[in-house]
Amino acid sequence: MNKVANVVDKVVCALLVIFFALILLVGTAQIISRYFFSMPIVWADELSKYLFLWMVMIGAAYG
């Protein structure tokens, strides 16, 4: 049972890191697109909100 818990912990931590990295990348792309090219990415804000929501919920369950 301990091995299963360790695997689940590693998967959850990796998922949280991936979500955080995606939020960072999408946010950076949105800033670059909006200010340098004057063409905002329409879906970037929504994706960031949903990723943040899932990150909070999974992180709260993990904690």
Protein backbone atom coordinates (compact mmCIF):
# COMPACT_ATOMS: atom_id res chain seq x y z
CA MET A 1 0.00 0.00 0.00
CA ASN A 2 2.91 2.31 0.67
CA LYS A 3 4.20 1.87 -2.87
CA VAL A 4 0.83 2.83 -4.33
CA ALA A 5 0.71 5.94 -2.15
CA ASN A 6 4.20 6.94 -3.30
CA VAL A 7 3.26 6.50 -6.95
CA VAL A 8 0.08 8.54 -6.49
CA ASP A 9 2.07 11.27 -4.72
CA LYS A 10 4.57 11.46 -7.57
CA VAL A 11 1.85 11.58 -10.21
CA VAL A 12 -0.06 14.31 -8.38
CA CYS A 13 3.10 16.37 -7.88
CA ALA A 14 4.03 15.99 -11.54
CA LEU A 15 0.51 17.01 -12.57
CA LEU A 16 0.68 20.12 -10.39
CA VAL A 17 4.04 21.07 -11.86
CA ILE A 18 2.71 20.58 -15.39
CA PHE A 19 -0.35 22.73 -14.67
CA PHE A 20 1.82 25.49 -13.19
CA ALA A 21 4.19 25.38 -16.16
CA LEU A 22 1.26 25.57 -18.59
CA ILE A 23 -0.18 28.59 -16.74
CA LEU A 24 3.20 30.27 -16.93
CA LEU A 25 3.65 29.50 -20.63
CA VAL A 26 0.14 30.53 -21.63
CA GLY A 27 0.38 33.74 -19.61
CA THR A 28 3.73 34.62 -21.13
CA ALA A 29 2.44 33.88 -24.64
CA GLN A 30 -0.61 36.06 -23.96
CA ILE A 31 1.55 38.97 -22.81
CA ILE A 32 3.89 38.70 -25.78
CA SER A 33 1.02 38.33 -28.23
CA ARG A 34 -0.95 41.23 -26.80
CA TYR A 35 1.78 43.81 -26.36
CA PHE A 36 4.21 43.03 -29.16
CA PHE A 37 1.87 41.84 -31.90
CA SER A 38 -1.39 43.57 -30.82
CA MET A 39 -3.22 40.29 -31.33
CA PRO A 40 -4.41 38.77 -28.04
CA ILE A 41 -4.94 35.04 -27.75
CA VAL A 42 -8.65 34.64 -27.13
CA TRP A 43 -8.56 31.36 -25.21
CA ALA A 44 -5.51 32.08 -23.03
CA ASP A 45 -7.39 33.67 -20.15
CA GLU A 46 -9.97 30.88 -19.98
CA LEU A 47 -7.31 28.17 -20.07
CA SER A 48 -5.33 29.87 -17.31
CA LYS A 49 -8.43 30.11 -15.13
CA TYR A 50 -9.33 26.44 -15.59
CA LEU A 51 -5.76 25.26 -15.03
CA PHE A 52 -5.53 27.37 -11.88
CA LEU A 53 -8.84 25.99 -10.63
CA TRP A 54 -7.74 22.39 -11.18
CA MET A 55 -4.35 23.13 -9.64
CA VAL A 56 -6.00 24.51 -6.49
CA MET A 57 -8.44 21.62 -6.18
CA ILE A 58 -5.81 18.91 -6.73
CA GLY A 59 -3.34 20.75 -4.47
CA ALA A 60 -5.92 21.03 -1.69
CA ALA A 61 -6.69 17.34 -1.93
CA TYR A 62 -2.98 16.54 -1.95
CA GLY A 63 -2.36 18.75 1.10
